Every structure is written in structure tokens, then in C-alpha cells.
Amino acid sequence: MLDTIPGTEELTALLGKSLYDVWNQLCAFINKQYDMDCLWGKGGKAWNYEYKYRRGGKTLCALYAKEHGMGFMVILGKDERLKFEAERENFSKEVQKLYDGAQTYHDGKWIMFEPVDISLFDDFMKLLRIKRKPNRK
């Protein structure tokens, strides 16, 4: 957990204006579909901040922020990977390539995206729907 949560000014300065806009749009996209707990944390070695969407002890996804960079991570467990494989053709070539190159650990395949615009948002939402049905109408 963080002592202080970064505000708009700090995140804008860190990410840059265009990435901050992408960050906000992605959060709005997720918030529209999902009612989740949002937790700020340290971003580890590679990132300044982590912003996790969780519910009932399970993480849906996480956003990461660093200087002039943002990340969006989805971890697909075994059953979720089977669902992705079955729907693979419905995803962009870019998402398929990142999925194929993602590291697989004991708890799942960790797919890290570094979006620079909103072009993959539809794919992101499809990935999230594999993990969990939207719980907002």
C-alpha cells in the first residue's frame, strides 16, 4: 500500500498528458462495466505505481504508471487461457502476439500491455470478460 495516493497533477506529470488521458479513458471503460475495489500500490522495480482492480480477493487487472509509460496487465489462469485460445481469432494480431510472448507462471499467463492510445480497448474488455462477467448494467 502507498502512504499517499498520486493525484491528477502528479500522474499527469509522470505519464505525460496524452498517456494520462489514455489512463483515464481506460479506467472509465473498466469502471463502466465493473464495480470493483481499486487499490493503489508500489509498482515494483519497473513502475512507480500500481492501480489494481480487485473484488473478493481476486484481481481483475492492474494499471501501472512510470515516467512517460503506462502498463495494463491481465493474468489469465489455466481455464481462462483455454477460453482465450478458443476465441483467439476475435482478438487483434497485436494482442495475440503479446499473449504468445507473455511469461507463464504457476498462477497463470501474465500479459502486460503498454498502451499509447485507445486502439486496443475493445480487446482489453474482451480479455476482462474472459476473467469475469461485468457486474454493472
Protein backbone atom coordinates (compact mmCIF):
# COMPACT_ATOMS: atom_id res chain seq x y z
CA MET A 1 0.00 0.00 0.00
CA LEU A 2 1.01 3.59 -0.57
CA ASP A 3 1.31 6.30 2.04
CA THR A 4 -0.07 8.88 -0.38
CA ILE A 5 -2.18 8.26 -3.46
CA PRO A 6 -0.96 10.18 -6.51
CA GLY A 7 -3.24 12.98 -7.59
CA THR A 8 -4.13 14.24 -11.05
CA GLU A 9 -1.17 16.63 -11.24
CA GLU A 10 1.37 14.02 -10.14
CA LEU A 11 0.06 11.35 -12.53
CA THR A 12 -0.12 13.82 -15.42
CA ALA A 13 3.48 14.91 -14.76
CA LEU A 14 4.63 11.29 -14.51
CA LEU A 15 2.80 9.84 -17.51
CA GLY A 16 2.57 12.91 -19.70
CA LYS A 17 -0.72 14.47 -20.84
CA SER A 18 -1.56 12.04 -23.67
CA LEU A 19 -0.89 8.89 -21.60
CA TYR A 20 -2.75 10.37 -18.64
CA ASP A 21 -5.76 10.75 -20.97
CA VAL A 22 -5.37 7.09 -22.07
CA TRP A 23 -5.13 6.05 -18.38
CA ASN A 24 -8.33 7.94 -17.52
CA GLN A 25 -10.21 6.56 -20.51
CA LEU A 26 -9.17 3.00 -19.64
CA CYS A 27 -10.27 3.48 -16.02
CA ALA A 28 -13.60 4.91 -17.22
CA PHE A 29 -14.05 1.92 -19.58
CA ILE A 30 -13.42 -0.54 -16.72
CA ASN A 31 -15.49 1.41 -14.17
CA LYS A 32 -18.45 1.46 -16.56
CA GLN A 33 -18.51 -2.36 -16.72
CA TYR A 34 -17.22 -3.39 -13.29
CA ASP A 35 -17.90 -2.44 -9.68
CA MET A 36 -14.53 -3.25 -8.09
CA ASP A 37 -12.29 -2.23 -5.22
CA CYS A 38 -9.43 -0.09 -6.52
CA LEU A 39 -6.13 -0.30 -4.68
CA TRP A 40 -3.01 1.82 -5.15
CA GLY A 41 0.35 0.20 -4.55
CA LYS A 42 4.04 0.49 -5.32
CA GLY A 43 4.80 -0.54 -8.86
CA GLY A 44 7.81 -2.72 -8.07
CA LYS A 45 11.16 -2.26 -9.78
CA ALA A 46 9.87 -1.26 -13.21
CA TRP A 47 6.94 1.02 -12.30
CA ASN A 48 6.27 3.91 -9.91
CA TYR A 49 2.65 2.95 -9.19
CA GLU A 50 0.25 0.04 -9.44
CA TYR A 51 -3.53 0.53 -9.54
CA LYS A 52 -5.36 -2.79 -9.06
CA TYR A 53 -8.98 -3.65 -9.72
CA ARG A 54 -9.97 -6.35 -7.20
CA ARG A 55 -13.10 -7.96 -5.85
CA GLY A 56 -13.48 -10.79 -3.39
CA GLY A 57 -9.74 -11.31 -3.15
CA LYS A 58 -9.34 -11.77 -6.91
CA THR A 59 -7.60 -9.29 -9.17
CA LEU A 60 -9.34 -8.40 -12.43
CA CYS A 61 -6.47 -6.36 -13.86
CA ALA A 62 -3.90 -3.75 -12.91
CA LEU A 63 -2.67 -0.49 -14.39
CA TYR A 64 0.92 0.64 -13.93
CA ALA A 65 2.49 4.08 -14.19
CA LYS A 66 6.08 5.20 -14.72
CA GLU A 67 7.76 8.17 -16.31
CA HIS A 68 6.24 8.52 -19.79
CA GLY A 69 4.86 4.98 -19.70
CA MET A 70 1.79 3.08 -18.63
CA GLY A 71 1.04 -0.60 -18.38
CA PHE A 72 -2.12 -2.67 -18.33
CA MET A 73 -1.77 -6.22 -17.01
CA VAL A 74 -4.17 -9.13 -17.20
CA ILE A 75 -3.30 -12.51 -15.72
CA LEU A 76 -5.10 -15.45 -17.31
CA GLY A 77 -5.30 -18.67 -15.30
CA LYS A 78 -5.47 -22.12 -16.88
CA ASP A 79 -9.22 -22.12 -17.61
CA GLU A 80 -9.06 -18.51 -18.82
CA ARG A 81 -6.22 -19.39 -21.22
CA LEU A 82 -8.40 -22.14 -22.69
CA LYS A 83 -11.19 -19.58 -23.22
CA PHE A 84 -8.73 -17.17 -24.87
CA GLU A 85 -7.42 -19.93 -27.14
CA ALA A 86 -11.00 -20.76 -28.19
CA GLU A 87 -11.70 -17.09 -29.01
CA ARG A 88 -8.21 -16.24 -30.29
CA GLU A 89 -9.33 -15.15 -33.78
CA ASN A 90 -11.58 -12.50 -32.21
CA PHE A 91 -8.51 -10.63 -30.91
CA SER A 92 -6.16 -8.36 -32.82
CA LYS A 93 -2.84 -9.72 -34.10
CA GLU A 94 -1.08 -7.44 -31.61
CA VAL A 95 -2.92 -8.96 -28.64
CA GLN A 96 -2.34 -12.50 -29.96
CA LYS A 97 1.39 -11.77 -30.30
CA LEU A 98 1.64 -10.33 -26.78
CA TYR A 99 -0.32 -13.29 -25.41
CA ASP A 100 2.03 -15.74 -27.15
CA GLY A 101 5.11 -13.93 -25.82
CA ALA A 102 3.82 -13.49 -22.26
CA GLN A 103 5.53 -15.37 -19.44
CA THR A 104 3.54 -18.22 -17.90
CA TYR A 105 3.90 -18.71 -14.15
CA HIS A 106 2.31 -21.20 -11.74
CA ASP A 107 -0.70 -18.89 -11.29
CA GLY A 108 -1.24 -18.00 -14.94
CA LYS A 109 -0.05 -16.15 -18.00
CA TRP A 110 0.93 -12.56 -17.20
CA ILE A 111 0.13 -10.35 -20.20
CA MET A 112 1.49 -6.81 -19.99
CA PHE A 113 0.31 -4.22 -22.48
CA GLU A 114 1.83 -0.76 -22.77
CA PRO A 115 -0.96 1.18 -24.48
CA VAL A 116 -0.22 4.55 -26.06
CA ASP A 117 -3.78 5.13 -27.27
CA ILE A 118 -7.24 3.55 -27.00
CA SER A 119 -6.95 1.29 -30.06
CA LEU A 120 -6.81 -1.97 -28.06
CA PHE A 121 -9.53 -1.12 -25.54
CA ASP A 122 -12.11 -3.42 -27.17
CA ASP A 123 -9.64 -6.29 -26.88
CA PHE A 124 -8.88 -5.34 -23.27
CA MET A 125 -12.59 -5.53 -22.43
CA LYS A 126 -12.88 -8.94 -24.14
CA LEU A 127 -9.94 -10.16 -22.03
CA LEU A 128 -11.59 -8.84 -18.86
CA ARG A 129 -14.86 -10.57 -19.79
CA ILE A 130 -12.93 -13.86 -20.01
CA LYS A 131 -11.81 -13.27 -16.42
CA ARG A 132 -15.11 -12.04 -15.01
CA LYS A 133 -18.56 -11.09 -16.28
CA PRO A 134 -19.26 -7.35 -15.98
CA ASN A 135 -21.22 -6.63 -12.81
CA ARG A 136 -22.66 -3.24 -13.75
CA LYS A 137 -25.63 -2.69 -16.03
